[in-house]
Amino acid sequence: MIAWSDELVEVIARRRCVIVIGAGISKNSVNKDGKRPATWEEFLRDCANDIDDADSVNSLLEIKDYLTACEVLKNKLTPDVFVRKVQQEYQQAGYIPADIHKHVYNLDVSIVISPNFDHIYDNYAATVSAGSVVVKDHTSEDTANYLLGGDNRLILKTHGSANNPQKLIFTRQDYAEARTKYVLFYEILKSLALTHTFLFLGCGTDDPDIRTLFEDIQFAHGRIPFHYMTLPAGEVHSDVLSIASSSMRIKFLEYSPARGHAELTESLEALVGKAEEYRDSQLRKTLKW
């Protein structure tokens, strides 16, 4: 089980934590046919099977240059075919929320960030909250209005959504355009990273958004609070984790990947209990929120 620190439990209890859910969280879901949503790499490899000459794409995937690989695939497939494949994989497959989505919701934080194109967590949160959850993406012009506290539950789709595939951030060109065109959105993310503790779940250290955001903040602002990321034990070499921790100010929490990463789900359930206990024993009695 993950040993959650008292500091992390406290910021979650005080709703000063932003939770980021990556593709690893979506992987817990299946549809009626037993299919799980593809990771970024899996989706691109599947797309590569539909083009005649995939050597360049496969070479890019081997070095994990997913942005360029996606750019090549989108050009070879044509944008219309590419968009259709995105919707088939992430919108139309009918994935069913898993227990881990319930635990993320029950942590009761104000803001959840999702770079995933699917709507698995979004749909679950909307159903449980009777539609009161607000969902915004990088194209939204009023996101800042929902950061002012109160009872808002906000989901930020940082890469867009399969519901609006023309606005997805998936290729190198998409990233460059988005960071120029939607500057305010990225400033909001930076502000959150400076004022909140981030807990990354099901994300990887090579995510371009994560690296760019936290390296920029670290070198621009110096010492900032540590953030947290869960990782399967042994997935990333300790030397790499040490460098990433130093450059991005992230503490890594490892867990066993056995039994389909069940330990992460179980650990999150325990974290929900710890946060609720802290709210009951500390915050409600002392009113020091």
Protein backbone atom coordinates (compact mmCIF):
# COMPACT_ATOMS: atom_id res chain seq x y z
CA MET A 1 0.00 0.00 0.00
CA ILE A 2 1.11 3.56 -0.65
CA ALA A 3 2.20 5.39 2.50
CA TRP A 4 0.39 8.71 2.10
CA SER A 5 2.15 11.57 3.89
CA ASP A 6 0.37 13.66 6.51
CA GLU A 7 1.09 16.77 4.42
CA LEU A 8 -0.72 15.34 1.41
CA VAL A 9 -3.67 14.19 3.49
CA GLU A 10 -3.98 17.68 4.96
CA VAL A 11 -3.97 19.55 1.62
CA ILE A 12 -6.56 17.15 0.23
CA ALA A 13 -8.73 17.61 3.33
CA ARG A 14 -8.43 21.39 2.99
CA ARG A 15 -9.20 21.18 -0.74
CA ARG A 16 -5.85 22.72 -1.59
CA CYS A 17 -4.97 19.80 -3.84
CA VAL A 18 -5.47 19.42 -7.58
CA ILE A 19 -5.74 15.83 -8.79
CA VAL A 20 -4.46 14.97 -12.27
CA ILE A 21 -5.78 11.72 -13.74
CA GLY A 22 -3.91 10.24 -16.70
CA ALA A 23 -4.43 7.33 -19.06
CA GLY A 24 -3.52 4.87 -16.30
CA ILE A 25 -6.76 5.73 -14.50
CA SER A 26 -8.86 5.22 -17.64
CA LYS A 27 -7.17 1.82 -18.13
CA ASN A 28 -9.17 0.53 -15.15
CA SER A 29 -12.38 0.81 -17.19
CA VAL A 30 -13.81 -1.69 -19.66
CA ASN A 31 -16.78 -1.61 -22.00
CA LYS A 32 -19.40 -4.34 -22.45
CA ASP A 33 -17.01 -6.22 -24.75
CA GLY A 34 -14.18 -6.17 -22.20
CA LYS A 35 -12.15 -3.57 -24.13
CA ARG A 36 -10.05 -1.02 -22.25
CA PRO A 37 -9.22 2.45 -23.63
CA ALA A 38 -5.94 2.66 -25.49
CA THR A 39 -3.02 4.61 -24.11
CA TRP A 40 -1.52 7.30 -26.30
CA GLU A 41 1.15 4.91 -27.58
CA GLU A 42 -1.29 2.05 -28.13
CA PHE A 43 -3.61 4.28 -30.13
CA LEU A 44 -0.79 5.54 -32.33
CA ARG A 45 0.51 2.02 -32.98
CA ASP A 46 -2.99 0.96 -33.99
CA CYS A 47 -3.19 3.91 -36.38
CA ALA A 48 0.20 2.97 -37.83
CA ASN A 49 -1.26 -0.36 -38.92
CA ASP A 50 -3.52 1.52 -41.34
CA ILE A 51 -0.81 3.26 -43.34
CA ASP A 52 1.43 1.76 -46.02
CA ASP A 53 4.81 2.99 -44.81
CA ALA A 54 4.94 3.04 -41.02
CA ASP A 55 8.71 2.86 -40.58
CA SER A 56 9.11 6.52 -39.66
CA VAL A 57 6.20 6.38 -37.24
CA ASN A 58 7.47 3.22 -35.55
CA SER A 59 10.93 4.78 -35.22
CA LEU A 60 9.42 7.84 -33.53
CA LEU A 61 7.37 5.67 -31.18
CA GLU A 62 10.47 3.74 -30.15
CA ILE A 63 12.04 6.95 -28.85
CA LYS A 64 8.68 8.05 -27.37
CA ASP A 65 8.37 11.09 -29.65
CA TYR A 66 4.60 10.74 -29.64
CA LEU A 67 3.88 14.30 -30.74
CA THR A 68 5.81 13.99 -34.01
CA ALA A 69 4.54 10.45 -34.61
CA CYS A 70 0.99 11.70 -34.25
CA GLU A 71 1.69 14.55 -36.67
CA VAL A 72 2.94 12.11 -39.30
CA LEU A 73 0.00 9.77 -38.81
CA LYS A 74 -2.57 12.54 -39.00
CA ASN A 75 -1.09 13.71 -42.32
CA LYS A 76 -0.92 10.20 -43.79
CA LEU A 77 -4.39 9.13 -42.66
CA THR A 78 -5.95 12.55 -43.47
CA PRO A 79 -7.51 14.59 -40.65
CA ASP A 80 -11.03 13.21 -41.25
CA VAL A 81 -9.94 9.58 -40.87
CA PHE A 82 -7.81 10.43 -37.85
CA VAL A 83 -10.70 12.22 -36.12
CA ARG A 84 -13.00 9.26 -36.79
CA LYS A 85 -10.50 6.88 -35.20
CA VAL A 86 -10.21 9.15 -32.13
CA GLN A 87 -13.98 9.17 -31.68
CA GLN A 88 -14.27 5.42 -32.17
CA GLU A 89 -11.64 4.78 -29.51
CA TYR A 90 -12.45 7.40 -26.89
CA GLN A 91 -16.06 8.48 -27.36
CA GLN A 92 -18.11 5.67 -28.90
CA ALA A 93 -16.66 2.62 -27.12
CA GLY A 94 -18.87 2.98 -24.04
CA TYR A 95 -16.34 2.51 -21.24
CA ILE A 96 -17.79 1.91 -17.78
CA PRO A 97 -16.34 3.80 -14.76
CA ALA A 98 -14.30 1.70 -12.32
CA ASP A 99 -13.91 1.84 -8.54
CA ILE A 100 -10.86 4.05 -8.93
CA HIS A 101 -13.01 6.80 -10.48
CA LYS A 102 -15.29 6.63 -7.44
CA HIS A 103 -12.34 7.03 -5.09
CA VAL A 104 -10.98 10.02 -7.03
CA TYR A 105 -14.39 11.68 -6.81
CA ASN A 106 -14.74 10.87 -3.10
CA LEU A 107 -11.50 12.66 -2.31
CA ASP A 108 -13.78 15.69 -2.71
CA VAL A 109 -11.25 18.12 -4.15
CA SER A 110 -12.40 21.20 -6.03
CA ILE A 111 -10.37 20.68 -9.22
CA VAL A 112 -9.56 17.55 -11.22
CA ILE A 113 -7.38 17.86 -14.31
CA SER A 114 -7.68 15.27 -17.05
CA PRO A 115 -5.48 15.14 -20.16
CA ASN A 116 -7.54 12.12 -21.30
CA PHE A 117 -9.71 12.39 -24.42
CA ASP A 118 -12.30 9.99 -22.99
CA HIS A 119 -15.19 11.02 -20.74
CA ILE A 120 -15.11 8.18 -18.25
CA TYR A 121 -14.43 10.26 -15.14
CA ASP A 122 -16.40 13.24 -16.48
CA ASN A 123 -19.52 11.11 -16.98
CA TYR A 124 -19.18 9.47 -13.57
CA ALA A 125 -18.74 12.81 -11.79
CA ALA A 126 -21.67 14.35 -13.69
CA THR A 127 -23.93 11.43 -12.75
CA VAL A 128 -23.02 11.36 -9.05
CA SER A 129 -23.20 15.15 -8.71
CA ALA A 130 -26.53 15.38 -10.57
CA GLY A 131 -24.88 17.35 -13.34
CA SER A 132 -23.39 20.03 -11.09
CA VAL A 133 -19.77 19.41 -12.13
CA VAL A 134 -18.37 22.03 -14.52
CA VAL A 135 -16.17 20.81 -17.38
CA LYS A 136 -13.82 23.23 -19.18
CA ASP A 137 -10.99 22.80 -21.65
CA HIS A 138 -8.15 24.90 -23.09
CA THR A 139 -10.56 26.70 -25.45
CA SER A 140 -12.89 27.88 -22.66
CA GLU A 141 -12.82 31.62 -22.07
CA ASP A 142 -14.46 31.67 -18.62
CA THR A 143 -12.43 29.06 -16.74
CA ALA A 144 -11.11 31.64 -14.26
CA ASN A 145 -14.68 32.29 -13.06
CA TYR A 146 -14.77 28.80 -11.53
CA LEU A 147 -11.56 29.15 -9.52
CA LEU A 148 -12.98 31.48 -6.92
CA GLY A 149 -13.94 28.86 -4.37
CA GLY A 150 -17.47 28.03 -3.27
CA ASP A 151 -19.10 24.71 -4.01
CA ASN A 152 -17.82 24.37 -7.58
CA ARG A 153 -16.38 21.06 -8.73
CA LEU A 154 -14.29 21.73 -11.82
CA ILE A 155 -12.84 19.30 -14.37
CA LEU A 156 -10.19 20.75 -16.67
CA LYS A 157 -9.65 18.82 -19.92
CA THR A 158 -6.15 20.00 -20.74
CA HIS A 159 -5.88 18.21 -24.10
CA GLY A 160 -9.48 18.66 -25.16
CA SER A 161 -12.18 16.06 -25.58
CA ALA A 162 -13.30 13.48 -28.12
CA ASN A 163 -16.60 15.37 -28.11
CA ASN A 164 -14.81 18.16 -29.96
CA PRO A 165 -12.08 16.32 -31.90
CA GLN A 166 -11.17 19.29 -34.07
CA LYS A 167 -9.80 21.04 -30.97
CA LEU A 168 -7.76 18.15 -29.55
CA ILE A 169 -4.16 18.75 -28.52
CA PHE A 170 -2.53 15.66 -29.96
CA THR A 171 0.29 16.67 -32.32
CA ARG A 172 3.36 18.87 -32.06
CA GLN A 173 1.60 21.56 -34.09
CA ASP A 174 -1.44 21.34 -31.79
CA TYR A 175 0.76 21.98 -28.74
CA ALA A 176 2.51 24.94 -30.35
CA GLU A 177 -0.76 26.50 -31.48
CA ALA A 178 -2.52 25.95 -28.15
CA ARG A 179 0.27 27.52 -26.08
CA THR A 180 0.14 30.60 -28.29
CA LYS A 181 -3.61 30.87 -28.80
CA TYR A 182 -4.78 29.94 -25.29
CA VAL A 183 -2.19 31.65 -23.12
CA LEU A 184 -4.65 32.40 -20.31
CA PHE A 185 -5.46 28.72 -19.84
CA TYR A 186 -1.79 27.83 -19.36
CA GLU A 187 -1.34 30.76 -16.99
CA ILE A 188 -4.20 29.34 -14.94
CA LEU A 189 -2.42 25.96 -14.77
CA LYS A 190 0.79 27.69 -13.63
CA SER A 191 -1.10 29.61 -10.96
CA LEU A 192 -2.68 26.41 -9.68
CA ALA A 193 0.72 24.72 -9.53
CA LEU A 194 2.07 27.61 -7.46
CA THR A 195 -0.85 27.72 -5.02
CA HIS A 196 -1.96 24.09 -4.81
CA THR A 197 -0.38 20.68 -4.35
CA PHE A 198 -0.79 18.45 -7.40
CA LEU A 199 -1.35 14.70 -7.06
CA PHE A 200 -0.72 12.86 -10.35
CA LEU A 201 -2.49 9.53 -10.76
CA GLY A 202 -1.96 7.27 -13.78
CA CYS A 203 0.40 9.76 -15.42
CA GLY A 204 3.96 9.34 -16.67
CA THR A 205 7.09 11.39 -16.20
CA ASP A 206 7.46 11.85 -19.96
CA ASP A 207 4.15 13.68 -20.41
CA PRO A 208 5.09 16.90 -22.29
CA ASP A 209 2.54 19.02 -20.42
CA ILE A 210 3.83 17.95 -17.02
CA ARG A 211 7.49 18.43 -17.87
CA THR A 212 7.02 21.84 -19.50
CA LEU A 213 4.76 23.21 -16.77
CA PHE A 214 6.79 22.14 -13.75
CA GLU A 215 10.23 22.74 -15.19
CA ASP A 216 9.16 26.27 -16.19
CA ILE A 217 7.84 26.97 -12.71
CA GLN A 218 10.84 25.47 -10.95
CA PHE A 219 13.38 27.56 -12.87
CA ALA A 220 11.27 30.72 -12.91
CA HIS A 221 10.24 30.74 -9.25
CA GLY A 222 12.92 28.71 -7.48
CA ARG A 223 11.76 26.71 -4.50
CA ILE A 224 8.11 25.77 -4.77
CA PRO A 225 6.08 23.21 -2.79
CA PHE A 226 6.59 19.57 -3.68
CA HIS A 227 3.94 17.80 -5.73
CA TYR A 228 3.24 14.06 -5.79
CA MET A 229 3.03 11.35 -8.47
CA THR A 230 2.12 7.69 -8.10
CA LEU A 231 4.10 5.23 -10.21
CA PRO A 232 4.28 1.43 -10.57
CA ALA A 233 7.42 0.20 -8.79
CA GLY A 234 10.29 -0.41 -11.18
CA GLU A 235 8.67 1.36 -14.14
CA VAL A 236 11.20 4.21 -14.12
CA HIS A 237 14.86 3.87 -13.10
CA SER A 238 15.72 5.51 -9.79
CA ASP A 239 18.33 7.74 -11.47
CA VAL A 240 15.68 9.14 -13.80
CA LEU A 241 13.27 9.66 -10.90
CA SER A 242 15.96 11.53 -8.97
CA ILE A 243 16.52 13.94 -11.86
CA ALA A 244 12.78 14.40 -12.43
CA SER A 245 12.21 15.02 -8.75
CA SER A 246 14.89 17.71 -8.70
CA SER A 247 13.85 19.46 -11.92
CA MET A 248 10.07 19.30 -11.38
CA ARG A 249 9.79 19.21 -7.55
CA ILE A 250 7.77 16.00 -7.60
CA LYS A 251 7.82 13.29 -4.94
CA PHE A 252 7.23 9.83 -6.38
CA LEU A 253 5.05 7.31 -4.56
CA GLU A 254 5.61 3.78 -5.83
CA TYR A 255 3.17 0.89 -5.60
CA SER A 256 3.05 -2.71 -6.83
CA PRO A 257 1.69 -3.12 -10.39
CA ALA A 258 0.54 -6.68 -9.56
CA ARG A 259 -3.11 -7.70 -9.98
CA GLY A 260 -3.72 -5.08 -12.64
CA HIS A 261 -2.45 -2.21 -10.47
CA ALA A 262 -5.07 -3.06 -7.82
CA GLU A 263 -2.85 -1.60 -5.10
CA LEU A 264 -3.34 1.90 -6.50
CA THR A 265 -7.13 1.55 -6.27
CA GLU A 266 -6.88 0.16 -2.74
CA SER A 267 -4.46 2.91 -1.69
CA LEU A 268 -6.77 5.62 -3.03
CA GLU A 269 -9.67 4.15 -1.08
CA ALA A 270 -7.52 4.36 2.05
CA LEU A 271 -6.60 7.96 1.17
CA VAL A 272 -10.30 8.85 0.98
CA GLY A 273 -10.70 7.52 4.52
CA LYS A 274 -7.70 9.50 5.78
CA ALA A 275 -8.96 12.74 4.24
CA GLU A 276 -12.46 12.26 5.67
CA GLU A 277 -11.01 11.47 9.10
CA TYR A 278 -8.86 14.63 9.00
CA ARG A 279 -11.88 16.75 8.09
CA ASP A 280 -13.91 15.25 10.92
CA SER A 281 -11.23 15.28 13.61
CA GLN A 282 -9.44 18.52 12.74
CA LEU A 283 -11.29 20.89 10.46
CA ARG A 284 -14.89 20.54 11.60
CA LYS A 285 -13.95 20.79 15.27
CA THR A 286 -11.45 23.64 15.00
CA LEU A 287 -13.08 25.35 11.97
CA LYS A 288 -9.54 26.15 10.80
CA TRP A 289 -10.09 25.50 7.09
